[in-house]
C-alpha atoms as a PDB file:
ATOM      1  CA  MET A   1     131.106  99.297 129.280  1.00  0.00           C
ATOM      2  CA  LYS A   2     128.031  97.589 127.852  1.00  0.00           C
ATOM      3  CA  VAL A   3     127.025  98.484 124.590  1.00  0.00           C
ATOM      4  CA  VAL A   4     123.432  98.576 122.792  1.00  0.00           C
ATOM      5  CA  ALA A   5     123.611  98.493 119.138  1.00  0.00           C
ATOM      6  CA  ILE A   6     120.729 100.500 117.068  1.00  0.00           C
ATOM      7  CA  PHE A   7     119.948 100.060 113.539  1.00  0.00           C
ATOM      8  CA  ALA A   8     118.178 102.902 111.899  1.00  0.00           C
ATOM      9  CA  SER A   9     118.832 105.176 108.713  1.00  0.00           C
ATOM     10  CA  GLY A  10     117.332 107.132 105.954  1.00  0.00           C
ATOM     11  CA  THR A  11     114.175 109.269 107.168  1.00  0.00           C
ATOM     12  CA  GLY A  12     113.749 111.170 110.382  1.00  0.00           C
ATOM     13  CA  GLY A  13     110.686 108.790 110.680  1.00  0.00           C
ATOM     14  CA  HIS A  14     113.243 105.911 111.444  1.00  0.00           C
ATOM     15  CA  VAL A  15     116.203 108.167 112.637  1.00  0.00           C
ATOM     16  CA  TYR A  16     114.376 110.529 115.396  1.00  0.00           C
ATOM     17  CA  PRO A  17     112.811 107.652 117.428  1.00  0.00           C
ATOM     18  CA  ALA A  18     115.801 105.695 117.315  1.00  0.00           C
ATOM     19  CA  TYR A  19     118.320 108.397 118.714  1.00  0.00           C
ATOM     20  CA  THR A  20     115.514 109.325 121.182  1.00  0.00           C
ATOM     21  CA  MET A  21     116.024 105.766 122.577  1.00  0.00           C
ATOM     22  CA  ALA A  22     120.046 105.840 122.197  1.00  0.00           C
ATOM     23  CA  GLN A  23     120.150 108.828 124.387  1.00  0.00           C
ATOM     24  CA  VAL A  24     118.102 106.957 127.032  1.00  0.00           C
ATOM     25  CA  TYR A  25     120.450 103.860 126.867  1.00  0.00           C
ATOM     26  CA  ILE A  26     123.541 106.332 126.957  1.00  0.00           C
ATOM     27  CA  ASN A  27     122.108 108.008 130.287  1.00  0.00           C
ATOM     28  CA  LEU A  28     121.718 104.517 131.581  1.00  0.00           C
ATOM     29  CA  GLY A  29     125.501 104.120 131.178  1.00  0.00           C
ATOM     30  CA  TYR A  30     125.532 102.035 127.846  1.00  0.00           C
ATOM     31  CA  LYS A  31     127.659 103.006 124.703  1.00  0.00           C
ATOM     32  CA  VAL A  32     125.708 102.657 121.417  1.00  0.00           C
ATOM     33  CA  LEU A  33     126.760 101.356 118.400  1.00  0.00           C
ATOM     34  CA  TRP A  34     124.724 102.602 115.298  1.00  0.00           C
ATOM     35  CA  ILE A  35     124.637 100.892 112.324  1.00  0.00           C
ATOM     36  CA  GLY A  36     123.283 103.225 109.624  1.00  0.00           C
ATOM     37  CA  THR A  37     124.312 104.204 105.726  1.00  0.00           C
ATOM     38  CA  LYS A  38     126.391 106.883 104.458  1.00  0.00           C
ATOM     39  CA  ASN A  39     123.666 108.838 103.228  1.00  0.00           C
ATOM     40  CA  GLY A  40     121.282 108.422 105.829  1.00  0.00           C
ATOM     41  CA  LEU A  41     120.001 111.381 108.039  1.00  0.00           C
ATOM     42  CA  GLU A  42     121.633 110.112 111.041  1.00  0.00           C
ATOM     43  CA  ASN A  43     124.969 111.218 109.933  1.00  0.00           C
ATOM     44  CA  LYS A  44     123.421 114.887 110.627  1.00  0.00           C
ATOM     45  CA  VAL A  45     121.292 114.099 113.921  1.00  0.00           C
ATOM     46  CA  ILE A  46     123.663 111.995 115.716  1.00  0.00           C
ATOM     47  CA  ASP A  47     125.835 114.458 118.174  1.00  0.00           C
ATOM     48  CA  ASN A  48     127.128 112.339 120.848  1.00  0.00           C
ATOM     49  CA  SER A  49     130.557 110.918 121.628  1.00  0.00           C
ATOM     50  CA  SER A  50     129.045 107.912 123.283  1.00  0.00           C
ATOM     51  CA  VAL A  51     127.536 106.778 119.670  1.00  0.00           C
ATOM     52  CA  ILE A  52     129.697 104.955 117.690  1.00  0.00           C
ATOM     53  CA  LEU A  53     128.425 105.323 113.884  1.00  0.00           C
ATOM     54  CA  GLU A  54     129.108 102.390 111.589  1.00  0.00           C
ATOM     55  CA  HIS A  55     128.085 102.087 107.969  1.00  0.00           C
ATOM     56  CA  ILE A  56     126.859  99.003 105.807  1.00  0.00           C
ATOM     57  CA  SER A  57     126.106  98.503 102.291  1.00  0.00           C
ATOM     58  CA  SER A  58     122.217  98.380 102.172  1.00  0.00           C
ATOM     59  CA  GLN A  59     119.675  99.903  99.844  1.00  0.00           C
ATOM     60  CA  GLY A  60     115.931  99.546  99.053  1.00  0.00           C
ATOM     61  CA  ILE A  61     114.524  96.889  96.606  1.00  0.00           C
ATOM     62  CA  ARG A  62     110.798  97.500  96.283  1.00  0.00           C
ATOM     63  CA  GLY A  63     109.889  99.727  93.454  1.00  0.00           C
ATOM     64  CA  LYS A  64     113.098  99.715  91.631  1.00  0.00           C
ATOM     65  CA  SER A  65     114.063  98.216  88.333  1.00  0.00           C
ATOM     66  CA  LEU A  66     115.226  94.880  87.868  1.00  0.00           C
ATOM     67  CA  LEU A  67     119.008  95.791  87.563  1.00  0.00           C
ATOM     68  CA  LYS A  68     118.478  97.918  91.151  1.00  0.00           C
ATOM     69  CA  LYS A  69     116.790  94.956  92.377  1.00  0.00           C
ATOM     70  CA  PHE A  70     119.493  92.671  91.742  1.00  0.00           C
ATOM     71  CA  LEU A  71     122.318  95.067  92.928  1.00  0.00           C
ATOM     72  CA  GLY A  72     119.934  95.638  96.230  1.00  0.00           C
ATOM     73  CA  LEU A  73     120.083  91.715  96.806  1.00  0.00           C
ATOM     74  CA  LEU A  74     123.842  91.793  96.344  1.00  0.00           C
ATOM     75  CA  ASN A  75     124.208  94.661  99.080  1.00  0.00           C
ATOM     76  CA  PHE A  76     121.662  92.837 101.279  1.00  0.00           C
ATOM     77  CA  ILE A  77     123.897  89.930 101.554  1.00  0.00           C
ATOM     78  CA  LYS A  78     126.973  91.771 101.672  1.00  0.00           C
ATOM     79  CA  SER A  79     124.879  93.882 104.621  1.00  0.00           C
ATOM     80  CA  ILE A  80     124.422  90.710 106.732  1.00  0.00           C
ATOM     81  CA  TYR A  81     128.545  89.878 106.328  1.00  0.00           C
ATOM     82  CA  GLU A  82     129.360  93.596 107.320  1.00  0.00           C
ATOM     83  CA  SER A  83     126.791  93.596 110.176  1.00  0.00           C
ATOM     84  CA  TYR A  84     127.752  90.143 111.625  1.00  0.00           C
ATOM     85  CA  LYS A  85     131.627  91.405 111.767  1.00  0.00           C
ATOM     86  CA  LEU A  86     130.248  94.663 113.608  1.00  0.00           C
ATOM     87  CA  ILE A  87     128.153  92.900 116.165  1.00  0.00           C
ATOM     88  CA  LYS A  88     130.817  90.201 116.597  1.00  0.00           C
ATOM     89  CA  LYS A  89     133.229  93.218 117.146  1.00  0.00           C
ATOM     90  CA  TYR A  90     131.445  95.424 119.708  1.00  0.00           C
ATOM     91  CA  LYS A  91     129.484  92.498 121.297  1.00  0.00           C
ATOM     92  CA  PRO A  92     126.113  94.316 122.209  1.00  0.00           C
ATOM     93  CA  SER A  93     124.233  93.028 124.828  1.00  0.00           C
ATOM     94  CA  LEU A  94     121.041  94.021 123.011  1.00  0.00           C
ATOM     95  CA  SER A  95     120.047  95.120 119.431  1.00  0.00           C
ATOM     96  CA  PHE A  96     117.334  97.300 118.285  1.00  0.00           C
ATOM     97  CA  GLY A  97     115.977  97.770 114.989  1.00  0.00           C
ATOM     98  CA  PHE A  98     113.716 100.663 114.199  1.00  0.00           C
ATOM     99  CA  GLY A  99     112.732  99.324 110.488  1.00  0.00           C
ATOM    100  CA  GLY A 100     113.958 100.420 106.941  1.00  0.00           C
ATOM    101  CA  TYR A 101     116.040  98.374 104.588  1.00  0.00           C
ATOM    102  CA  VAL A 102     119.194  98.855 106.628  1.00  0.00           C
ATOM    103  CA  SER A 103     117.823  96.970 109.561  1.00  0.00           C
ATOM    104  CA  VAL A 104     117.521  93.848 107.953  1.00  0.00           C
ATOM    105  CA  GLY A 105     121.021  92.630 107.774  1.00  0.00           C
ATOM    106  CA  PRO A 106     121.924  93.517 111.432  1.00  0.00           C
ATOM    107  CA  SER A 107     118.942  92.122 112.681  1.00  0.00           C
ATOM    108  CA  ILE A 108     119.462  88.489 110.935  1.00  0.00           C
ATOM    109  CA  ALA A 109     123.293  88.975 112.311  1.00  0.00           C
ATOM    110  CA  SER A 110     121.883  89.748 115.902  1.00  0.00           C
ATOM    111  CA  TYR A 111     119.785  86.380 115.704  1.00  0.00           C
ATOM    112  CA  LEU A 112     122.837  84.587 114.395  1.00  0.00           C
ATOM    113  CA  LEU A 113     124.849  85.755 117.216  1.00  0.00           C
ATOM    114  CA  SER A 114     122.326  85.208 119.995  1.00  0.00           C
ATOM    115  CA  VAL A 115     121.938  88.913 120.554  1.00  0.00           C
ATOM    116  CA  PRO A 116     118.355  89.518 121.772  1.00  0.00           C
ATOM    117  CA  LEU A 117     116.613  91.729 119.288  1.00  0.00           C
ATOM    118  CA  MET A 118     114.116  94.182 119.839  1.00  0.00           C
ATOM    119  CA  VAL A 119     111.954  95.847 116.945  1.00  0.00           C
ATOM    120  CA  HIS A 120     110.054  98.897 116.519  1.00  0.00           C
ATOM    121  CA  GLU A 121     107.416  99.798 114.019  1.00  0.00           C
ATOM    122  CA  GLN A 122     106.283 103.156 113.550  1.00  0.00           C
ATOM    123  CA  ASN A 123     103.316 102.940 111.210  1.00  0.00           C
ATOM    124  CA  ALA A 124      99.901 101.650 111.114  1.00  0.00           C
ATOM    125  CA  VAL A 125     100.936  99.362 108.220  1.00  0.00           C
ATOM    126  CA  VAL A 126     103.960  97.154 108.858  1.00  0.00           C
ATOM    127  CA  GLY A 127     106.993  97.877 106.301  1.00  0.00           C
ATOM    128  CA  THR A 128     108.586  95.147 104.408  1.00  0.00           C
ATOM    129  CA  ALA A 129     111.724  95.177 106.412  1.00  0.00           C
ATOM    130  CA  ASN A 130     109.983  94.539 110.078  1.00  0.00           C
ATOM    131  CA  ARG A 131     107.662  92.022 108.572  1.00  0.00           C
ATOM    132  CA  ILE A 132     111.089  90.223 108.100  1.00  0.00           C
ATOM    133  CA  ASN A 133     112.406  91.242 111.154  1.00  0.00           C
ATOM    134  CA  TYR A 134     109.535  90.070 113.228  1.00  0.00           C
ATOM    135  CA  TYR A 135     110.777  86.561 113.032  1.00  0.00           C
ATOM    136  CA  PHE A 136     114.251  87.147 114.515  1.00  0.00           C
ATOM    137  CA  ALA A 137     113.117  89.502 117.406  1.00  0.00           C
ATOM    138  CA  LYS A 138     112.221  88.749 121.247  1.00  0.00           C
ATOM    139  CA  ARG A 139     109.861  91.933 121.410  1.00  0.00           C
ATOM    140  CA  ILE A 140     108.151  94.006 118.918  1.00  0.00           C
ATOM    141  CA  TYR A 141     106.888  97.786 119.957  1.00  0.00           C
ATOM    142  CA  GLU A 142     103.970  98.858 118.018  1.00  0.00           C
ATOM    143  CA  THR A 143     103.194 102.519 117.794  1.00  0.00           C
ATOM    144  CA  PHE A 144      99.700 101.831 116.468  1.00  0.00           C
ATOM    145  CA  PRO A 145      97.882  98.679 117.775  1.00  0.00           C
ATOM    146  CA  LEU A 146      97.321  95.376 115.732  1.00  0.00           C
ATOM    147  CA  SER A 147      99.766  96.865 113.072  1.00  0.00           C
ATOM    148  CA  PHE A 148     101.071  93.541 112.883  1.00  0.00           C
ATOM    149  CA  LYS A 149      97.653  91.996 112.615  1.00  0.00           C
ATOM    150  CA  LYS A 150      98.781  89.652 115.382  1.00  0.00           C
ATOM    151  CA  ASN A 151      97.750  89.672 119.159  1.00  0.00           C
ATOM    152  CA  ASN A 152     100.522  87.968 121.503  1.00  0.00           C
ATOM    153  CA  ILE A 153     102.847  88.531 124.196  1.00  0.00           C
ATOM    154  CA  LYS A 154     105.665  89.138 121.719  1.00  0.00           C
ATOM    155  CA  ILE A 155     103.998  92.426 120.629  1.00  0.00           C
ATOM    156  CA  ILE A 156     103.535  95.496 123.177  1.00  0.00           C
ATOM    157  CA  HIS A 157     101.629  98.367 121.887  1.00  0.00           C
ATOM    158  CA  THR A 158     104.142 101.326 122.961  1.00  0.00           C
ATOM    159  CA  GLY A 159     103.639 104.310 121.137  1.00  0.00           C
ATOM    160  CA  ASN A 160     106.573 106.040 119.305  1.00  0.00           C
ATOM    161  CA  PRO A 161     109.557 107.604 121.252  1.00  0.00           C
ATOM    162  CA  VAL A 162     109.488 111.534 121.523  1.00  0.00           C
ATOM    163  CA  ARG A 163     112.021 113.542 122.316  1.00  0.00           C
ATOM    164  CA  PRO A 164     111.772 115.040 125.927  1.00  0.00           C
ATOM    165  CA  SER A 165     111.659 118.710 124.737  1.00  0.00           C
ATOM    166  CA  PHE A 166     108.161 118.493 124.061  1.00  0.00           C
ATOM    167  CA  ASP A 167     107.667 117.944 127.677  1.00  0.00           C
ATOM    168  CA  LYS A 168     108.022 121.886 128.048  1.00  0.00           C
ATOM    169  CA  VAL A 169     105.297 122.634 125.491  1.00  0.00           C
ATOM    170  CA  SER A 170     101.920 124.325 126.862  1.00  0.00           C
ATOM    171  CA  ASN A 171      99.503 121.701 127.542  1.00  0.00           C
ATOM    172  CA  PRO A 172      96.012 121.774 125.804  1.00  0.00           C
ATOM    173  CA  GLU A 173      94.210 123.231 129.047  1.00  0.00           C
ATOM    174  CA  TYR A 174      96.382 126.601 128.784  1.00  0.00           C
ATOM    175  CA  LYS A 175      96.430 126.785 124.786  1.00  0.00           C
ATOM    176  CA  TYR A 176      92.678 126.237 124.415  1.00  0.00           C
ATOM    177  CA  ASN A 177      90.733 128.747 126.196  1.00  0.00           C
ATOM    178  CA  ASP A 178      87.481 130.854 125.694  1.00  0.00           C
ATOM    179  CA  SER A 179      89.357 134.205 125.929  1.00  0.00           C
ATOM    180  CA  ASN A 180      91.412 133.415 122.683  1.00  0.00           C
ATOM    181  CA  THR A 181      90.351 135.714 119.875  1.00  0.00           C
ATOM    182  CA  SER A 182      92.929 134.535 117.353  1.00  0.00           C
ATOM    183  CA  ILE A 183      94.252 131.508 116.006  1.00  0.00           C
ATOM    184  CA  ASN A 184      97.828 130.316 114.959  1.00  0.00           C
ATOM    185  CA  ILE A 185      98.178 127.815 112.385  1.00  0.00           C
ATOM    186  CA  LEU A 186     101.165 126.111 111.743  1.00  0.00           C
ATOM    187  CA  VAL A 187     101.598 124.361 108.175  1.00  0.00           C
ATOM    188  CA  MET A 188     104.558 121.733 107.802  1.00  0.00           C
ATOM    189  CA  GLY A 189     105.504 119.075 105.134  1.00  0.00           C
ATOM    190  CA  GLY A 190     108.581 117.695 107.093  1.00  0.00           C
ATOM    191  CA  SER A 191     111.844 118.384 106.576  1.00  0.00           C
ATOM    192  CA  GLN A 192     111.843 118.690 102.696  1.00  0.00           C
ATOM    193  CA  GLY A 193     108.548 120.296 102.670  1.00  0.00           C
ATOM    194  CA  ALA A 194     105.576 119.109 101.173  1.00  0.00           C
ATOM    195  CA  ALA A 195     104.645 120.303  97.368  1.00  0.00           C
ATOM    196  CA  PHE A 196     100.884 119.878  97.746  1.00  0.00           C
ATOM    197  CA  LEU A 197     100.659 121.948 100.853  1.00  0.00           C
ATOM    198  CA  ASN A 198     103.184 124.413  99.454  1.00  0.00           C
ATOM    199  CA  ASN A 199     100.956 124.928  96.271  1.00  0.00           C
ATOM    200  CA  THR A 200      97.453 124.729  97.845  1.00  0.00           C
ATOM    201  CA  MET A 201      97.697 126.208 101.257  1.00  0.00           C
ATOM    202  CA  PRO A 202      98.258 130.222 100.303  1.00  0.00           C
ATOM    203  CA  PHE A 203      94.996 129.740  98.086  1.00  0.00           C
ATOM    204  CA  ALA A 204      92.990 127.877 100.331  1.00  0.00           C
ATOM    205  CA  PHE A 205      93.829 130.512 103.402  1.00  0.00           C
ATOM    206  CA  SER A 206      92.676 133.256 100.906  1.00  0.00           C
ATOM    207  CA  HIS A 207      89.127 132.277 101.696  1.00  0.00           C
ATOM    208  CA  PHE A 208      89.402 133.404 105.333  1.00  0.00           C
ATOM    209  CA  HIS A 209      89.215 136.714 106.978  1.00  0.00           C
ATOM    210  CA  ASN A 210      92.845 136.720 108.185  1.00  0.00           C
ATOM    211  CA  THR A 211      92.613 139.337 110.576  1.00  0.00           C
ATOM    212  CA  ASN A 212      92.573 137.024 113.529  1.00  0.00           C
ATOM    213  CA  VAL A 213      94.684 134.137 111.835  1.00  0.00           C
ATOM    214  CA  SER A 214      98.496 133.978 112.046  1.00  0.00           C
ATOM    215  CA  ILE A 215     100.106 131.505 109.782  1.00  0.00           C
ATOM    216  CA  LYS A 216     103.466 130.023 109.907  1.00  0.00           C
ATOM    217  CA  HIS A 217     104.587 127.640 106.945  1.00  0.00           C
ATOM    218  CA  ILE A 218     107.581 125.358 106.691  1.00  0.00           C
ATOM    219  CA  SER A 219     108.228 125.106 103.251  1.00  0.00           C
ATOM    220  CA  GLY A 220     111.277 122.943 102.978  1.00  0.00           C
ATOM    221  CA  PRO A 221     114.452 123.954 101.507  1.00  0.00           C
ATOM    222  CA  ASN A 222     114.799 125.785  98.138  1.00  0.00           C
ATOM    223  CA  HIS A 223     110.814 126.602  98.265  1.00  0.00           C
ATOM    224  CA  ALA A 224     110.679 129.534 100.754  1.00  0.00           C
ATOM    225  CA  GLY A 225     110.731 132.093  97.954  1.00  0.00           C
ATOM    226  CA  SER A 226     107.689 130.821  95.643  1.00  0.00           C
ATOM    227  CA  VAL A 227     105.612 130.125  98.956  1.00  0.00           C
ATOM    228  CA  LYS A 228     106.491 133.526 100.259  1.00  0.00           C
ATOM    229  CA  ASN A 229     105.297 135.050  96.937  1.00  0.00           C
ATOM    230  CA  LYS A 230     101.849 132.832  97.011  1.00  0.00           C
ATOM    231  CA  TYR A 231     101.001 134.473 100.052  1.00  0.00           C
ATOM    232  CA  LEU A 232     101.584 137.777  99.156  1.00  0.00           C
ATOM    233  CA  LYS A 233      99.603 137.352  95.898  1.00  0.00           C
ATOM    234  CA  TYR A 234      96.610 137.036  98.126  1.00  0.00           C
ATOM    235  CA  SER A 235      97.667 139.673 100.462  1.00  0.00           C
ATOM    236  CA  ILE A 236      98.092 136.975 103.407  1.00  0.00           C
ATOM    237  CA  ASP A 237     100.404 137.973 106.399  1.00  0.00           C
ATOM    238  CA  SER A 238     102.583 134.743 107.024  1.00  0.00           C
ATOM    239  CA  THR A 239     105.883 133.630 108.074  1.00  0.00           C
ATOM    240  CA  VAL A 240     107.569 131.170 105.986  1.00  0.00           C
ATOM    241  CA  ILE A 241     110.264 129.166 107.153  1.00  0.00           C
ATOM    242  CA  THR A 242     112.551 126.662 105.228  1.00  0.00           C
ATOM    243  CA  TYR A 243     113.298 124.219 108.441  1.00  0.00           C
ATOM    244  CA  SER A 244     113.334 124.475 111.970  1.00  0.00           C
ATOM    245  CA  ASN A 245     115.437 122.936 114.593  1.00  0.00           C
ATOM    246  CA  SER A 246     113.017 124.394 117.197  1.00  0.00           C
ATOM    247  CA  ILE A 247     109.943 122.455 116.216  1.00  0.00           C
ATOM    248  CA  ASP A 248     108.928 122.262 119.783  1.00  0.00           C
ATOM    249  CA  LYS A 249     108.334 126.308 120.202  1.00  0.00           C
ATOM    250  CA  LEU A 250     106.459 126.406 116.696  1.00  0.00           C
ATOM    251  CA  TYR A 251     104.276 123.689 118.384  1.00  0.00           C
ATOM    252  CA  ASP A 252     104.095 125.599 121.574  1.00  0.00           C
ATOM    253  CA  TRP A 253     102.723 128.665 119.381  1.00  0.00           C
ATOM    254  CA  ALA A 254     100.509 126.901 117.332  1.00  0.00           C
ATOM    255  CA  ASP A 255      96.530 126.121 117.849  1.00  0.00           C
ATOM    256  CA  LEU A 256      96.092 124.376 114.740  1.00  0.00           C
ATOM    257  CA  VAL A 257      98.927 122.232 112.467  1.00  0.00           C
ATOM    258  CA  ILE A 258      98.166 121.294 109.237  1.00  0.00           C
ATOM    259  CA  CYS A 259     101.055 118.505 108.221  1.00  0.00           C
ATOM    260  CA  ARG A 260     101.368 114.934 106.397  1.00  0.00           C
ATOM    261  CA  ALA A 261     100.656 111.740 108.629  1.00  0.00           C
ATOM    262  CA  GLY A 262     104.182 110.513 109.135  1.00  0.00           C
ATOM    263  CA  SER A 263     104.373 108.811 112.742  1.00  0.00           C
ATOM    264  CA  THR A 264     106.894 111.155 113.806  1.00  0.00           C
ATOM    265  CA  SER A 265     104.854 113.947 113.401  1.00  0.00           C
ATOM    266  CA  ILE A 266     101.667 112.497 114.902  1.00  0.00           C
ATOM    267  CA  SER A 267     103.305 111.338 117.886  1.00  0.00           C
ATOM    268  CA  GLU A 268     104.839 114.607 118.605  1.00  0.00           C
ATOM    269  CA  LEU A 269     101.607 116.230 118.642  1.00  0.00           C
ATOM    270  CA  ALA A 270     100.153 113.509 120.455  1.00  0.00           C
ATOM    271  CA  LYS A 271     102.357 114.032 123.167  1.00  0.00           C
ATOM    272  CA  ILE A 272     101.885 117.756 123.461  1.00  0.00           C
ATOM    273  CA  GLY A 273      98.114 117.619 122.450  1.00  0.00           C
ATOM    274  CA  ARG A 274      97.363 120.066 119.592  1.00  0.00           C
ATOM    275  CA  ALA A 275      94.523 120.034 117.059  1.00  0.00           C
ATOM    276  CA  VAL A 276      95.592 118.722 113.538  1.00  0.00           C
ATOM    277  CA  ILE A 277      94.248 118.467 110.244  1.00  0.00           C
ATOM    278  CA  LEU A 278      96.139 115.523 108.529  1.00  0.00           C
ATOM    279  CA  VAL A 279      97.065 115.655 104.878  1.00  0.00           C
ATOM    280  CA  PRO A 280      98.333 111.597 104.196  1.00  0.00           C
ATOM    281  CA  PHE A 281     101.267 111.834 101.200  1.00  0.00           C
ATOM    282  CA  PRO A 282      99.205 109.337  98.797  1.00  0.00           C
ATOM    283  CA  TYR A 283     102.644 107.887  97.388  1.00  0.00           C
ATOM    284  CA  ALA A 284     103.588 106.719 100.729  1.00  0.00           C
ATOM    285  CA  THR A 285     104.803 102.981 100.955  1.00  0.00           C
ATOM    286  CA  ASP A 286     101.674 100.731 101.287  1.00  0.00           C
ATOM    287  CA  ASN A 287      99.793 104.143 101.927  1.00  0.00           C
ATOM    288  CA  HIS A 288     100.631 103.860 105.458  1.00  0.00           C
ATOM    289  CA  GLN A 289     100.392 107.363 105.892  1.00  0.00           C
ATOM    290  CA  PHE A 290      96.491 107.040 105.072  1.00  0.00           C
ATOM    291  CA  PHE A 291      96.260 104.457 107.562  1.00  0.00           C
ATOM    292  CA  ASN A 292      98.190 106.304 110.257  1.00  0.00           C
ATOM    293  CA  ALA A 293      95.670 109.394 109.694  1.00  0.00           C
ATOM    294  CA  ASN A 294      92.492 107.310 109.412  1.00  0.00           C
ATOM    295  CA  TYR A 295      93.356 105.517 112.861  1.00  0.00           C
ATOM    296  CA  LEU A 296      93.392 108.878 114.302  1.00  0.00           C
ATOM    297  CA  ALA A 297      90.277 109.925 112.633  1.00  0.00           C
ATOM    298  CA  LYS A 298      88.124 107.200 113.397  1.00  0.00           C
ATOM    299  CA  ASN A 299      89.104 107.829 117.273  1.00  0.00           C
ATOM    300  CA  SER A 300      88.020 111.501 116.690  1.00  0.00           C
ATOM    301  CA  ALA A 301      92.017 112.499 117.707  1.00  0.00           C
ATOM    302  CA  ALA A 302      92.509 114.337 114.114  1.00  0.00           C
ATOM    303  CA  ILE A 303      91.033 115.561 111.238  1.00  0.00           C
ATOM    304  CA  LEU A 304      91.640 113.553 107.491  1.00  0.00           C
ATOM    305  CA  LEU A 305      91.646 115.344 104.530  1.00  0.00           C
ATOM    306  CA  GLU A 306      92.896 113.493 101.445  1.00  0.00           C
ATOM    307  CA  GLU A 307      95.027 114.781  98.778  1.00  0.00           C
ATOM    308  CA  LYS A 308      92.135 114.846  96.054  1.00  0.00           C
ATOM    309  CA  VAL A 309      90.691 117.666  93.603  1.00  0.00           C
ATOM    310  CA  GLU A 310      88.185 118.555  96.214  1.00  0.00           C
ATOM    311  CA  PHE A 311      90.766 119.059  98.976  1.00  0.00           C
ATOM    312  CA  ILE A 312      90.530 122.824  98.983  1.00  0.00           C
ATOM    313  CA  GLU A 313      86.800 122.843  99.341  1.00  0.00           C
ATOM    314  CA  ASN A 314      86.665 120.599 101.929  1.00  0.00           C
ATOM    315  CA  PHE A 315      89.512 122.318 103.664  1.00  0.00           C
ATOM    316  CA  ILE A 316      87.569 125.334 103.558  1.00  0.00           C
ATOM    317  CA  THR A 317      84.404 123.778 105.051  1.00  0.00           C
ATOM    318  CA  THR A 318      86.123 122.067 107.920  1.00  0.00           C
ATOM    319  CA  VAL A 319      88.267 125.196 108.990  1.00  0.00           C
ATOM    320  CA  ASN A 320      85.017 127.323 108.848  1.00  0.00           C
ATOM    321  CA  ILE A 321      83.687 125.163 111.297  1.00  0.00           C
ATOM    322  CA  ILE A 322      86.452 124.864 113.944  1.00  0.00           C
ATOM    323  CA  LEU A 323      88.155 128.539 113.219  1.00  0.00           C
ATOM    324  CA  ASN A 324      86.200 130.154 115.910  1.00  0.00           C
ATOM    325  CA  ASP A 325      85.347 126.844 117.939  1.00  0.00           C
ATOM    326  CA  GLN A 326      88.064 126.499 120.932  1.00  0.00           C
ATOM    327  CA  LYS A 327      85.915 123.611 122.734  1.00  0.00           C
ATOM    328  CA  ARG A 328      86.442 121.658 118.892  1.00  0.00           C
ATOM    329  CA  LEU A 329      89.978 122.320 119.312  1.00  0.00           C
ATOM    330  CA  TYR A 330      90.343 121.342 122.660  1.00  0.00           C
ATOM    331  CA  MET A 331      88.554 118.184 122.105  1.00  0.00           C
ATOM    332  CA  LEU A 332      90.892 116.903 119.220  1.00  0.00           C
ATOM    333  CA  SER A 333      93.808 117.973 121.532  1.00  0.00           C
ATOM    334  CA  LYS A 334      92.861 115.884 124.216  1.00  0.00           C
ATOM    335  CA  ASN A 335      91.854 113.295 122.127  1.00  0.00           C
ATOM    336  CA  ILE A 336      95.073 112.785 120.548  1.00  0.00           C
ATOM    337  CA  GLN A 337      96.782 112.876 123.878  1.00  0.00           C
ATOM    338  CA  ASP A 338      94.921 109.628 124.717  1.00  0.00           C
ATOM    339  CA  ILE A 339      95.553 107.977 121.415  1.00  0.00           C
ATOM    340  CA  PHE A 340      99.028 106.294 122.334  1.00  0.00           C
ATOM    341  CA  PRO A 341     100.532 105.446 125.548  1.00  0.00           C
ATOM    342  CA  LEU A 342     101.836 108.538 127.689  1.00  0.00           C
ATOM    343  CA  ASN A 343     104.951 106.650 129.054  1.00  0.00           C
ATOM    344  CA  THR A 344     106.422 105.061 125.790  1.00  0.00           C
ATOM    345  CA  ILE A 345     110.033 105.687 126.595  1.00  0.00           C
ATOM    346  CA  SER A 346     109.820 104.166 130.045  1.00  0.00           C
ATOM    347  CA  LEU A 347     107.536 101.177 128.868  1.00  0.00           C
ATOM    348  CA  ILE A 348     110.171 100.252 125.920  1.00  0.00           C
ATOM    349  CA  THR A 349     113.219 100.847 128.132  1.00  0.00           C
ATOM    350  CA  GLU A 350     112.266  98.828 131.286  1.00  0.00           C
ATOM    351  CA  ASP A 351     110.805  96.117 128.816  1.00  0.00           C
ATOM    352  CA  SER A 352     114.053  95.989 126.810  1.00  0.00           C
ATOM    353  CA  LEU A 353     116.247  95.804 129.932  1.00  0.00           C
ATOM    354  CA  LYS A 354     114.771  92.622 130.842  1.00  0.00           C
ATOM    355  CA  PHE A 355     116.498  90.778 127.901  1.00  0.00           C
ATOM    356  CA  ILE A 356     119.956  91.927 128.789  1.00  0.00           C
ATOM    357  CA  LYS A 357     121.849  89.181 130.685  1.00  0.00           C
END
């Protein structure tokens, strides 16, 4: 049986698109060799007997102490050797890296063993790993156009692969119509929650008459109690959730989403068409969340509110404008649907298979 090798680890931003593509290749009859790390999210997410999960020694270097940089460099060299052995053992017909430090060693090993390498970049600013991987790849798939600041036949603007379950979410034409008298607002800060949103949103919502507003807030683990108490303090009726495995159902419920500007969340919202207020995490590497959000804001596909002192004032002004404006919500939901190619998975699949001998 032919094998496709996938390199992804760490956060959901790398792992979820990679797992979506892994399942596509499995459905086409391939086995998947997944090269990750012992502590990565992939160990919790992967649930498919057709995936062979292997671990290598790899860790980040940027922003670390001198000692950790030295240890990281040693692990990087070790990861090339470990990856070389794995790729030689399983003989994949194709390799596919999704960025992050774990992907560099296997990408170099694939190049040395003449295995065609595909690379996917999730963000508007290219990470260090993919800046390196670019030189070993046969093809680059970009979520945001011109993230590599290059325009050549090696690079294709595809968008970010999103799980097929989102195809069942109600479309904007159904969600936004003039007969709606209430608005459902979903606040989410990713799988770990967002301290800034947890701390500020209850107070921000206290400035609105909540008769026609329903709120669901994903707080992240260990924060639900304190967030719920904040809403109770302001007599706001809300549902606080630590984490959800059914985010598609929450998207189906929501009219407006307030969230960070990670590529996965943005891509999911673009797939289904939802009005969104993006609050970029200001300490993300290379400030990539701001650039993700800014790209959408410049194309009238989302509202960008930065995490600053005047955030609550700006939030109140913004929400007051759109609260009873179904046409504005609908416009945002349609514009975000146009921001990325609609056929991301088929674009990537059909193109990548051309490189299999």
